[in-house]
């Protein structure tokens, strides 16, 4: 048995869910005057000779089809330790600064691991950076190795992903029959990923992606890296700082992740985060006329446990060949807990499930899984698996019973759906990552944002990351939901903007209510 690996924690989920379900479009980016953009010489000082062909490449930018955006492709080595192992491609998008001489490039990552930075910057720029930042910086999005338009991890077609994500395995939960079926499913997925990914799986790691960011910094012509990373992007940024502390410019890590936590502890921490967010949802739900539960928060949590057990025993037909089991219903719950703006949809979904209607629960789960009209818009889940299986080292012999008992005690509603056969046991690429504190000695102050009610990147992890960094500065956002920046809190936005625009470091212990 294994604890569930860290769930997708993406900026697209945090803010896009209510937008998608309500049928609204993202705000349109205003047109801008034509501009050739900056074209600076690559920064190659101090670069190993074997990497000079990569660091010295000249970029050719092309219009992306929307005013103010242009795109390019950067060639990176598969293996930085052995550049002769072959190349891969990194897709990059730039939104050019709208006024004056840019301060430089502001590299961004929206999370995951596995979310497309190109798509996020192109389609949802206002979620990534406010007008002050887009005015002063060339905002850069990129698809990390293994993701999207970069050289990507490829596993199943749409039908295969449907079966992998939604088919209900035989046998009772926790039985040998069910576990064997899940192990076979995980092995089949791993084999498909190996066959479809052109040999890149051993090189899809956070460390290599951080090295890619240094390559991007250099070819963009920036002597230091200015960076705004969300969720998993905070781990990516911290990894960069650990590797290249002397090349860190102004760095903001929103939704800090503790790089020292082993996979089992990380899994428990996130399960507890979602359990706490679920209790916050229930407290709010019980004040609403359309809440499907009654009584106290404990009563409502107990009623949800009963609902999950009923759906587990008798899945609900969705009318499209899929059935809503407890695992998919839990996925729907998780999707809606990323933002309290999505709580109304969770009330509708749970009311529907109580009444035998699976449709809204499937809408939530499909959004989480990137499924639309029977197709998958990205390879986020495939890349997520690739990164996690290489990043998290094998912990060896663990006391599974003790871990499951801890999980059951701390997150009793979620616990039954948070364990199962190790999804990385059959992964064809060995784990090469380590779990250790990142201190980044010599780096300038690095801002870490933590939200007290964040389910996906718990606040305690932001605290830990800020404490580990030699010059970590924690800014606390008091509130619910995933992430802090650009969520409507003027205190948070002001602190981030002042730091990225002027270098003003926020006061220690700043709390934004």
Protein backbone atom coordinates (compact mmCIF):
# COMPACT_ATOMS: atom_id res chain seq x y z
CA UNK A 1 0.00 0.00 0.00
CA UNK A 2 1.08 3.58 -0.60
CA UNK A 3 -0.14 7.01 0.34
CA UNK A 4 -1.46 9.01 -2.58
CA UNK A 5 1.18 11.24 -4.14
CA UNK A 6 0.75 15.00 -4.01
CA UNK A 7 -2.32 15.97 -6.00
CA UNK A 8 -2.27 18.41 -8.89
CA UNK A 9 -1.99 21.90 -7.44
CA UNK A 10 -2.42 24.18 -10.40
CA UNK A 11 -3.32 27.81 -10.84
CA UNK A 12 -5.76 26.71 -13.55
CA UNK A 13 -7.74 24.79 -10.95
CA UNK A 14 -7.63 27.51 -8.35
CA UNK A 15 -9.32 30.17 -10.42
CA UNK A 16 -10.65 28.59 -13.57
CA UNK A 17 -13.18 26.20 -12.12
CA UNK A 18 -16.04 28.61 -11.52
CA UNK A 19 -15.28 30.27 -14.85
CA UNK A 20 -15.53 27.00 -16.74
CA UNK A 21 -18.71 25.78 -15.09
CA UNK A 22 -20.49 29.08 -15.50
CA UNK A 23 -19.68 29.17 -19.21
CA UNK A 24 -17.85 32.51 -19.02
CA UNK A 25 -14.71 33.30 -20.97
CA UNK A 26 -11.42 34.52 -19.59
CA UNK A 27 -11.05 38.28 -19.71
CA UNK A 28 -9.77 39.43 -23.06
CA UNK A 29 -6.23 40.79 -23.19
CA UNK A 30 -6.34 44.39 -24.52
CA UNK A 31 -4.54 44.95 -27.82
CA UNK A 32 -1.14 46.59 -27.69
CA UNK A 33 1.00 48.47 -30.15
CA UNK A 34 3.45 46.42 -32.20
CA UNK A 35 6.83 45.99 -30.55
CA UNK A 36 9.91 44.09 -31.47
CA UNK A 37 10.62 43.18 -27.84
CA UNK A 38 14.03 42.88 -26.23
CA UNK A 39 16.72 41.00 -28.07
CA UNK A 40 19.67 40.65 -25.69
CA UNK A 41 22.83 38.64 -25.98
CA UNK A 42 22.77 35.24 -24.24
CA UNK A 43 24.39 35.15 -20.81
CA UNK A 44 27.13 32.53 -20.94
CA UNK A 45 29.50 33.60 -18.17
CA UNK A 46 30.53 30.71 -15.92
CA UNK A 47 28.82 28.09 -18.09
CA UNK A 48 30.43 24.67 -18.51
CA UNK A 49 31.99 24.34 -21.97
CA UNK A 50 29.86 21.31 -22.82
CA UNK A 51 26.71 23.42 -22.31
CA UNK A 52 27.83 26.49 -24.27
CA UNK A 53 26.04 25.42 -27.48
CA UNK A 54 22.77 25.49 -25.50
CA UNK A 55 23.42 28.64 -23.47
CA UNK A 56 24.69 30.50 -26.52
CA UNK A 57 21.73 29.83 -28.82
CA UNK A 58 19.94 32.79 -30.36
CA UNK A 59 16.16 32.88 -30.08
CA UNK A 60 13.83 33.47 -33.01
CA UNK A 61 10.49 34.85 -31.87
CA UNK A 62 7.27 34.52 -33.86
CA UNK A 63 3.86 36.09 -33.35
CA UNK A 64 1.54 33.84 -31.32
CA UNK A 65 -1.66 35.12 -32.88
CA UNK A 66 -2.62 37.57 -30.12
CA UNK A 67 -1.40 41.13 -29.73
CA UNK A 68 1.54 41.43 -27.39
CA UNK A 69 2.45 37.73 -27.37
CA UNK A 70 5.26 36.00 -29.19
CA UNK A 71 6.64 32.48 -28.98
CA UNK A 72 9.85 30.60 -29.49
CA UNK A 73 11.42 27.19 -28.94
CA UNK A 74 14.56 26.58 -26.90
CA UNK A 75 16.74 23.50 -27.28
CA UNK A 76 17.89 21.89 -24.02
CA UNK A 77 19.97 18.80 -23.27
CA UNK A 78 18.06 15.79 -22.05
CA UNK A 79 20.76 15.15 -19.47
CA UNK A 80 22.77 18.10 -18.15
CA UNK A 81 25.36 15.70 -16.78
CA UNK A 82 25.81 14.18 -20.25
CA UNK A 83 24.79 16.57 -23.05
CA UNK A 84 25.66 13.90 -25.61
CA UNK A 85 22.53 11.98 -24.52
CA UNK A 86 20.41 14.03 -26.92
CA UNK A 87 18.19 17.10 -26.95
CA UNK A 88 14.65 18.11 -26.17
CA UNK A 89 12.58 21.20 -26.93
CA UNK A 90 11.08 23.76 -24.57
CA UNK A 91 8.09 25.83 -25.72
CA UNK A 92 8.22 29.44 -24.51
CA UNK A 93 5.76 32.34 -24.72
CA UNK A 94 6.44 36.01 -23.95
CA UNK A 95 3.99 38.77 -23.15
CA UNK A 96 5.95 41.91 -23.82
CA UNK A 97 6.02 44.69 -21.23
CA UNK A 98 3.38 47.26 -22.08
CA UNK A 99 5.20 50.45 -21.12
CA UNK A 100 8.73 51.79 -21.11
CA UNK A 101 11.91 49.80 -20.88
CA UNK A 102 11.24 46.38 -19.28
CA UNK A 103 12.85 45.58 -15.95
CA UNK A 104 13.74 42.27 -17.56
CA UNK A 105 12.05 38.91 -17.90
CA UNK A 106 9.72 37.54 -15.23
CA UNK A 107 9.68 33.77 -15.58
CA UNK A 108 6.53 32.08 -14.26
CA UNK A 109 5.33 28.56 -13.53
CA UNK A 110 1.63 27.85 -12.80
CA UNK A 111 2.07 24.58 -10.91
CA UNK A 112 1.34 20.91 -11.33
CA UNK A 113 3.84 19.53 -11.94
CA UNK A 114 2.52 19.29 -15.47
CA UNK A 115 0.51 22.46 -16.10
CA UNK A 116 1.31 24.30 -19.31
CA UNK A 117 2.92 27.66 -18.65
CA UNK A 118 2.45 28.60 -22.31
CA UNK A 119 -1.30 28.03 -22.18
CA UNK A 120 -1.64 29.77 -18.82
CA UNK A 121 0.16 32.94 -19.89
CA UNK A 122 -1.60 33.01 -23.28
CA UNK A 123 -5.13 32.29 -22.02
CA UNK A 124 -5.08 33.56 -18.43
CA UNK A 125 -2.39 36.22 -18.13
CA UNK A 126 -4.38 38.16 -15.54
CA UNK A 127 -4.27 35.14 -13.22
CA UNK A 128 -0.48 35.09 -13.37
CA UNK A 129 0.46 38.76 -13.16
CA UNK A 130 -1.45 41.96 -12.49
CA UNK A 131 -1.27 45.09 -14.63
CA UNK A 132 1.68 46.53 -12.71
CA UNK A 133 3.79 43.47 -13.44
CA UNK A 134 2.69 43.11 -17.07
CA UNK A 135 3.48 46.78 -17.58
CA UNK A 136 7.04 46.50 -16.27
CA UNK A 137 8.17 42.97 -17.13
CA UNK A 138 8.29 40.71 -20.14
CA UNK A 139 6.20 37.92 -18.58
CA UNK A 140 7.52 34.53 -19.67
CA UNK A 141 5.60 31.27 -19.63
CA UNK A 142 7.11 27.95 -20.60
CA UNK A 143 6.10 24.33 -20.79
CA UNK A 144 8.54 22.40 -18.62
CA UNK A 145 10.18 19.34 -20.11
CA UNK A 146 7.60 16.58 -20.42
CA UNK A 147 4.70 19.03 -20.62
CA UNK A 148 2.40 20.32 -23.35
CA UNK A 149 4.13 21.75 -26.41
CA UNK A 150 7.60 20.93 -25.12
CA UNK A 151 9.00 17.45 -25.67
CA UNK A 152 6.23 15.72 -23.78
CA UNK A 153 5.31 12.61 -21.84
CA UNK A 154 2.68 10.74 -23.84
CA UNK A 155 0.79 7.73 -22.54
CA UNK A 156 -2.84 7.05 -23.48
CA UNK A 157 -5.33 8.37 -25.99
CA UNK A 158 -8.64 9.75 -24.70
CA UNK A 159 -10.30 6.35 -24.43
CA UNK A 160 -7.32 4.98 -22.56
CA UNK A 161 -7.30 7.91 -20.14
CA UNK A 162 -11.03 7.46 -19.53
CA UNK A 163 -10.50 3.84 -18.60
CA UNK A 164 -7.47 4.66 -16.45
CA UNK A 165 -9.17 7.47 -14.53
CA UNK A 166 -12.81 6.43 -14.34
CA UNK A 167 -13.20 2.66 -14.64
CA UNK A 168 -14.17 1.12 -11.31
CA UNK A 169 -11.96 -1.84 -10.40
CA UNK A 170 -13.50 -5.12 -9.24
CA UNK A 171 -13.63 -6.19 -5.62
CA UNK A 172 -14.15 -4.38 -2.36
CA UNK A 173 -11.95 -1.47 -1.38
CA UNK A 174 -8.75 -2.76 0.19
CA UNK A 175 -9.24 -6.35 -1.01
CA UNK A 176 -6.50 -8.35 -2.72
CA UNK A 177 -8.64 -8.55 -5.85
CA UNK A 178 -9.03 -4.80 -6.09
CA UNK A 179 -5.38 -4.06 -5.30
CA UNK A 180 -4.23 -6.54 -7.94
CA UNK A 181 -6.47 -4.88 -10.53
CA UNK A 182 -5.11 -1.45 -9.59
CA UNK A 183 -1.53 -2.68 -9.77
CA UNK A 184 -2.19 -4.03 -13.25
CA UNK A 185 -3.74 -0.72 -14.25
CA UNK A 186 -0.72 1.23 -12.98
CA UNK A 187 1.67 -1.12 -14.77
CA UNK A 188 -0.24 -0.73 -18.05
CA UNK A 189 -0.12 3.05 -17.72
CA UNK A 190 3.62 2.99 -17.04
CA UNK A 191 4.24 0.79 -20.07
CA UNK A 192 2.21 3.11 -22.28
CA UNK A 193 4.15 6.14 -21.01
CA UNK A 194 7.46 4.44 -21.72
CA UNK A 195 6.35 3.49 -25.23
CA UNK A 196 4.99 6.94 -26.08
CA UNK A 197 7.57 9.28 -24.54
CA UNK A 198 10.63 8.81 -26.75
CA UNK A 199 12.99 7.86 -23.93
CA UNK A 200 12.66 11.10 -21.93
CA UNK A 201 11.16 9.64 -18.72
CA UNK A 202 14.49 9.36 -16.80
CA UNK A 203 15.14 13.06 -17.45
CA UNK A 204 11.73 14.46 -16.46
CA UNK A 205 12.58 15.77 -13.01
CA UNK A 206 12.32 18.98 -11.03
CA UNK A 207 16.10 19.32 -10.88
CA UNK A 208 16.43 19.13 -14.66
CA UNK A 209 13.51 21.53 -15.07
CA UNK A 210 15.23 23.99 -12.71
CA UNK A 211 18.35 23.72 -14.85
CA UNK A 212 16.14 24.43 -17.87
CA UNK A 213 15.07 27.65 -16.13
CA UNK A 214 18.69 28.73 -15.88
CA UNK A 215 19.08 28.01 -19.58
CA UNK A 216 15.98 30.12 -20.29
CA UNK A 217 17.33 32.94 -18.12
CA UNK A 218 20.56 32.93 -20.09
CA UNK A 219 19.09 32.82 -23.60
CA UNK A 220 16.59 35.54 -22.65
CA UNK A 221 19.57 37.74 -21.84
CA UNK A 222 18.98 38.12 -18.09
CA UNK A 223 21.97 38.00 -15.71
CA UNK A 224 19.73 36.87 -12.84
CA UNK A 225 16.38 35.07 -12.68
CA UNK A 226 13.28 37.02 -11.70
CA UNK A 227 10.61 34.45 -10.96
CA UNK A 228 7.01 34.05 -9.82
CA UNK A 229 6.10 30.43 -9.09
CA UNK A 230 2.77 29.04 -7.95
CA UNK A 231 2.18 25.82 -5.99
CA UNK A 232 4.54 23.19 -7.44
CA UNK A 233 6.18 26.19 -9.09
CA UNK A 234 7.36 27.18 -5.62
CA UNK A 235 9.27 23.91 -5.33
CA UNK A 236 10.70 24.46 -8.81
CA UNK A 237 11.83 27.94 -7.82
CA UNK A 238 13.33 26.80 -4.53
CA UNK A 239 15.19 24.05 -6.38
CA UNK A 240 16.60 26.66 -8.74
CA UNK A 241 17.70 28.78 -5.78
CA UNK A 242 19.44 25.77 -4.25
CA UNK A 243 21.32 25.07 -7.49
CA UNK A 244 22.09 28.65 -8.53
CA UNK A 245 21.84 30.95 -5.47
CA UNK A 246 24.15 33.51 -7.05
CA UNK A 247 21.84 33.80 -10.08
CA UNK A 248 18.64 34.47 -8.12
CA UNK A 249 17.12 37.89 -8.75
CA UNK A 250 13.70 38.69 -7.28
CA UNK A 251 11.87 35.46 -6.50
CA UNK A 252 8.33 34.93 -5.16
CA UNK A 253 7.13 31.44 -4.23
CA UNK A 254 3.35 31.28 -3.75
CA UNK A 255 2.03 28.18 -2.00
CA UNK A 256 5.37 27.06 -0.60
CA UNK A 257 6.19 23.34 -0.56
CA UNK A 258 8.53 21.82 2.02
CA UNK A 259 11.31 20.16 -0.01
CA UNK A 260 12.43 18.08 2.97
CA UNK A 261 9.20 16.11 3.44
CA UNK A 262 9.34 12.48 2.22
CA UNK A 263 6.52 11.28 0.01
CA UNK A 264 4.58 9.61 2.82
CA UNK A 265 4.66 12.68 5.06
CA UNK A 266 3.81 14.91 2.11
CA UNK A 267 0.83 12.71 1.29
CA UNK A 268 -0.48 12.91 4.84
CA UNK A 269 0.05 16.68 4.99
CA UNK A 270 -1.97 17.22 1.84
CA UNK A 271 -4.73 14.85 2.91
CA UNK A 272 -5.04 16.81 6.16
CA UNK A 273 -5.10 20.05 4.16
CA UNK A 274 -8.05 18.84 2.11
CA UNK A 275 -9.81 17.45 5.18
CA UNK A 276 -9.51 20.84 6.89
CA UNK A 277 -10.72 22.61 3.76
CA UNK A 278 -13.66 20.20 3.63
CA UNK A 279 -14.59 21.13 7.18
CA UNK A 280 -14.41 24.82 6.25
CA UNK A 281 -16.69 24.10 3.29
CA UNK A 282 -19.15 22.27 5.56
CA UNK A 283 -19.21 25.14 8.07
CA UNK A 284 -20.15 27.49 5.24
CA UNK A 285 -22.52 25.01 3.62
CA UNK A 286 -24.58 24.62 6.78
CA UNK A 287 -25.44 28.33 6.64
CA UNK A 288 -26.89 27.98 3.12
CA UNK A 289 -30.42 27.06 2.15
CA UNK A 290 -29.20 24.71 -0.60
CA UNK A 291 -26.84 22.72 1.62
CA UNK A 292 -27.54 19.00 1.33
CA UNK A 293 -26.44 18.40 4.94
CA UNK A 294 -27.68 19.44 8.35
CA UNK A 295 -26.67 19.54 11.99
CA UNK A 296 -23.11 20.25 13.06
CA UNK A 297 -19.95 20.15 10.97
CA UNK A 298 -19.19 16.74 12.46
CA UNK A 299 -22.66 15.57 11.46
CA UNK A 300 -22.16 16.82 7.92
CA UNK A 301 -18.76 15.11 7.64
CA UNK A 302 -20.34 11.89 8.85
CA UNK A 303 -23.13 12.22 6.28
CA UNK A 304 -20.56 12.74 3.53
CA UNK A 305 -18.74 9.60 4.68
CA UNK A 306 -22.02 7.70 4.35
CA UNK A 307 -22.62 9.14 0.89
CA UNK A 308 -19.14 8.08 -0.26
CA UNK A 309 -19.73 4.58 1.10
CA UNK A 310 -23.07 4.32 -0.72
CA UNK A 311 -21.59 5.46 -4.00
CA UNK A 312 -18.66 3.09 -3.48
CA UNK A 313 -21.06 0.18 -3.09
CA UNK A 314 -23.54 1.27 -5.78
CA UNK A 315 -21.94 3.61 -8.36
CA UNK A 316 -24.21 6.09 -10.12
CA UNK A 317 -24.78 5.88 -13.88
CA UNK A 318 -23.80 9.09 -15.67
CA UNK A 319 -25.55 8.26 -18.95
CA UNK A 320 -22.36 8.38 -21.03
CA UNK A 321 -21.04 4.92 -20.20
CA UNK A 322 -19.23 6.11 -17.08
CA UNK A 323 -20.26 5.43 -13.50
CA UNK A 324 -19.63 7.66 -10.51
CA UNK A 325 -17.76 5.72 -7.86
CA UNK A 326 -16.35 7.04 -4.63
CA UNK A 327 -12.91 7.77 -6.08
CA UNK A 328 -14.33 10.02 -8.79
CA UNK A 329 -16.64 11.70 -6.30
CA UNK A 330 -13.61 12.42 -4.08
CA UNK A 331 -11.83 13.88 -7.11
CA UNK A 332 -14.83 16.16 -7.64
CA UNK A 333 -14.65 17.26 -4.01
CA UNK A 334 -10.93 17.99 -4.25
CA UNK A 335 -11.41 20.04 -7.41
CA UNK A 336 -13.94 22.31 -5.72
CA UNK A 337 -11.87 22.76 -2.56
CA UNK A 338 -9.13 24.64 -4.41
CA UNK A 339 -11.21 27.82 -4.25
CA UNK A 340 -14.13 28.86 -2.07
CA UNK A 341 -15.61 30.41 -5.23
CA UNK A 342 -16.26 26.83 -6.35
CA UNK A 343 -18.11 25.81 -3.19
CA UNK A 344 -21.58 26.48 -4.71
CA UNK A 345 -20.82 23.85 -7.39
CA UNK A 346 -19.76 21.40 -4.72
CA UNK A 347 -23.09 21.87 -2.94
CA UNK A 348 -24.89 21.16 -6.23
CA UNK A 349 -22.70 18.14 -6.95
CA UNK A 350 -23.22 16.58 -3.52
CA UNK A 351 -26.96 17.26 -3.62
CA UNK A 352 -27.10 15.59 -7.01
CA UNK A 353 -25.13 12.56 -5.84
CA UNK A 354 -27.48 12.16 -2.89
CA UNK A 355 -30.37 12.12 -5.37
CA UNK A 356 -28.74 9.76 -7.86
CA UNK A 357 -27.56 12.46 -10.30
CA UNK A 358 -23.84 12.18 -11.11
CA UNK A 359 -23.65 14.93 -13.76
CA UNK A 360 -22.22 17.87 -11.80
CA UNK A 361 -19.81 15.64 -9.89
CA UNK A 362 -18.49 14.47 -13.25
CA UNK A 363 -18.20 18.09 -14.43
CA UNK A 364 -15.96 18.83 -11.44
CA UNK A 365 -13.91 15.66 -11.83
CA UNK A 366 -13.54 16.22 -15.57
CA UNK A 367 -12.31 19.75 -14.99
CA UNK A 368 -9.74 18.46 -12.50
CA UNK A 369 -8.61 15.81 -14.95
CA UNK A 370 -8.50 18.17 -17.94
CA UNK A 371 -11.29 16.35 -19.78
CA UNK A 372 -13.67 18.24 -22.06
CA UNK A 373 -16.13 16.79 -24.56
CA UNK A 374 -14.53 13.39 -24.23
CA UNK A 375 -11.02 14.67 -25.00
CA UNK A 376 -8.08 15.68 -22.81
CA UNK A 377 -6.82 19.20 -23.36
CA UNK A 378 -3.39 18.58 -21.89
CA UNK A 379 -1.02 15.90 -20.68
CA UNK A 380 -0.94 17.32 -17.15
CA UNK A 381 -1.78 14.05 -15.39
CA UNK A 382 0.78 12.09 -17.38
CA UNK A 383 3.50 14.65 -16.67
CA UNK A 384 2.47 14.77 -13.01
CA UNK A 385 3.11 11.05 -12.71
CA UNK A 386 6.46 11.34 -14.50
CA UNK A 387 7.74 14.09 -12.21
CA UNK A 388 6.50 12.54 -8.98
CA UNK A 389 7.92 9.11 -9.71
CA UNK A 390 11.38 10.48 -10.47
CA UNK A 391 11.41 13.23 -7.82
CA UNK A 392 10.36 11.19 -4.78
CA UNK A 393 12.92 8.59 -3.68
CA UNK A 394 11.88 5.13 -2.56
CA UNK A 395 11.49 5.27 1.22
CA UNK A 396 12.27 1.59 1.59
CA UNK A 397 10.46 -0.38 4.26
CA UNK A 398 7.79 1.75 5.91
CA UNK A 399 5.26 0.95 8.61
CA UNK A 400 2.19 1.10 6.39
CA UNK A 401 -0.18 0.31 9.24
CA UNK A 402 1.18 3.19 11.31
CA UNK A 403 0.97 5.59 8.37
CA UNK A 404 -2.59 4.56 7.58
CA UNK A 405 -3.55 4.88 11.25
CA UNK A 406 -2.12 8.41 11.31
CA UNK A 407 -4.00 9.27 8.15
CA UNK A 408 -7.25 7.83 9.50
CA UNK A 409 -6.87 9.83 12.71
CA UNK A 410 -6.03 13.14 10.99
CA UNK A 411 -8.21 12.92 7.86
CA UNK A 412 -10.94 10.34 8.52
CA UNK A 413 -13.26 11.28 5.63
CA UNK A 414 -10.57 11.35 2.96
CA UNK A 415 -8.36 8.56 4.34
CA UNK A 416 -10.07 5.54 2.68
CA UNK A 417 -9.57 7.11 -0.77
CA UNK A 418 -6.00 8.30 -0.20
CA UNK A 419 -4.23 4.94 -0.09
CA UNK A 420 -3.64 2.13 -2.55
CA UNK A 421 -0.91 0.37 -4.51
CA UNK A 422 2.14 2.53 -5.15
CA UNK A 423 1.58 4.24 -8.54
CA UNK A 424 5.34 4.46 -9.05
CA UNK A 425 6.16 0.80 -8.36
CA UNK A 426 6.05 -0.05 -12.07
CA UNK A 427 7.46 3.24 -13.37
CA UNK A 428 10.22 2.53 -15.90
CA UNK A 429 12.48 5.40 -14.81
CA UNK A 430 14.20 5.09 -11.42
CA UNK A 431 13.77 7.83 -8.81
CA UNK A 432 16.73 10.19 -8.74
CA UNK A 433 15.41 13.02 -6.57
CA UNK A 434 16.18 13.69 -2.94
CA UNK A 435 14.13 15.18 -0.12
CA UNK A 436 16.18 17.64 1.90
CA UNK A 437 15.98 21.23 3.14
CA UNK A 438 16.92 23.94 0.62
CA UNK A 439 18.87 26.82 2.13
CA UNK A 440 20.25 28.67 -0.92
CA UNK A 441 23.06 30.48 0.93
CA UNK A 442 24.10 33.65 -0.84
CA UNK A 443 20.75 34.21 -2.53
CA UNK A 444 18.97 37.53 -1.93
CA UNK A 445 15.71 37.58 0.05
CA UNK A 446 13.15 35.14 -1.36
CA UNK A 447 9.46 35.82 -0.65
CA UNK A 448 7.33 32.81 0.33
CA UNK A 449 3.54 33.14 0.37
CA UNK A 450 1.40 30.82 2.47
CA UNK A 451 -2.39 30.73 2.82
CA UNK A 452 -3.69 29.53 6.17
CA UNK A 453 -6.54 27.50 4.65
CA UNK A 454 -4.70 26.20 1.59
CA UNK A 455 -5.67 22.54 1.02
CA UNK A 456 -3.16 21.66 -1.69
CA UNK A 457 -0.01 23.30 -0.34
CA UNK A 458 -0.63 23.45 3.41
CA UNK A 459 0.45 26.58 5.28
CA UNK A 460 2.83 24.60 7.47
CA UNK A 461 4.89 23.79 4.39
CA UNK A 462 5.21 27.45 3.42
CA UNK A 463 6.40 28.14 6.95
CA UNK A 464 8.97 25.34 6.70
CA UNK A 465 10.28 26.51 3.32
CA UNK A 466 10.67 30.11 4.51
CA UNK A 467 12.54 28.92 7.60
CA UNK A 468 14.87 26.71 5.56
CA UNK A 469 15.91 29.39 3.06
CA UNK A 470 18.84 31.44 4.32
CA UNK A 471 16.91 34.61 3.48
CA UNK A 472 13.34 33.36 3.30
CA UNK A 473 10.64 35.94 4.02
CA UNK A 474 7.18 34.56 4.83
CA UNK A 475 4.04 36.51 3.98
CA UNK A 476 0.88 34.98 5.46
CA UNK A 477 -2.45 35.21 3.68
CA UNK A 478 -5.26 34.53 6.16
CA UNK A 479 -8.00 32.86 4.17
CA UNK A 480 -9.35 29.79 2.40
CA UNK A 481 -8.37 28.29 -0.93
CA UNK A 482 -5.23 27.56 -2.86
CA UNK A 483 -2.59 30.29 -3.24
CA UNK A 484 -2.55 33.97 -2.33
CA UNK A 485 -1.39 36.28 -5.11
CA UNK A 486 -3.97 37.84 -7.44
CA UNK A 487 -6.83 36.50 -5.31
CA UNK A 488 -8.27 39.91 -4.43
CA UNK A 489 -6.18 40.67 -1.35
CA UNK A 490 -4.60 44.13 -1.71
CA UNK A 491 -2.09 43.46 1.07
CA UNK A 492 -0.71 40.36 -0.67
CA UNK A 493 -0.66 41.95 -4.12
CA UNK A 494 0.99 45.07 -2.80
CA UNK A 495 3.75 43.12 -1.06
CA UNK A 496 4.45 41.03 -4.18
CA UNK A 497 4.38 43.99 -6.55
CA UNK A 498 6.56 46.17 -4.34
CA UNK A 499 9.13 43.41 -4.12
CA UNK A 500 9.18 42.44 -7.80
CA UNK A 501 9.05 46.05 -9.07
CA UNK A 502 11.20 47.91 -6.54
CA UNK A 503 13.00 45.20 -4.55
CA UNK A 504 11.21 46.26 -1.35
CA UNK A 505 11.33 43.29 1.02
CA UNK A 506 8.16 42.98 3.14
CA UNK A 507 8.36 43.24 6.90
CA UNK A 508 9.06 39.99 8.69
CA UNK A 509 5.88 38.31 9.86
CA UNK A 510 3.56 40.26 7.55
CA UNK A 511 0.01 38.88 7.81
CA UNK A 512 -2.58 39.82 5.22
CA UNK A 513 -6.12 39.38 6.55
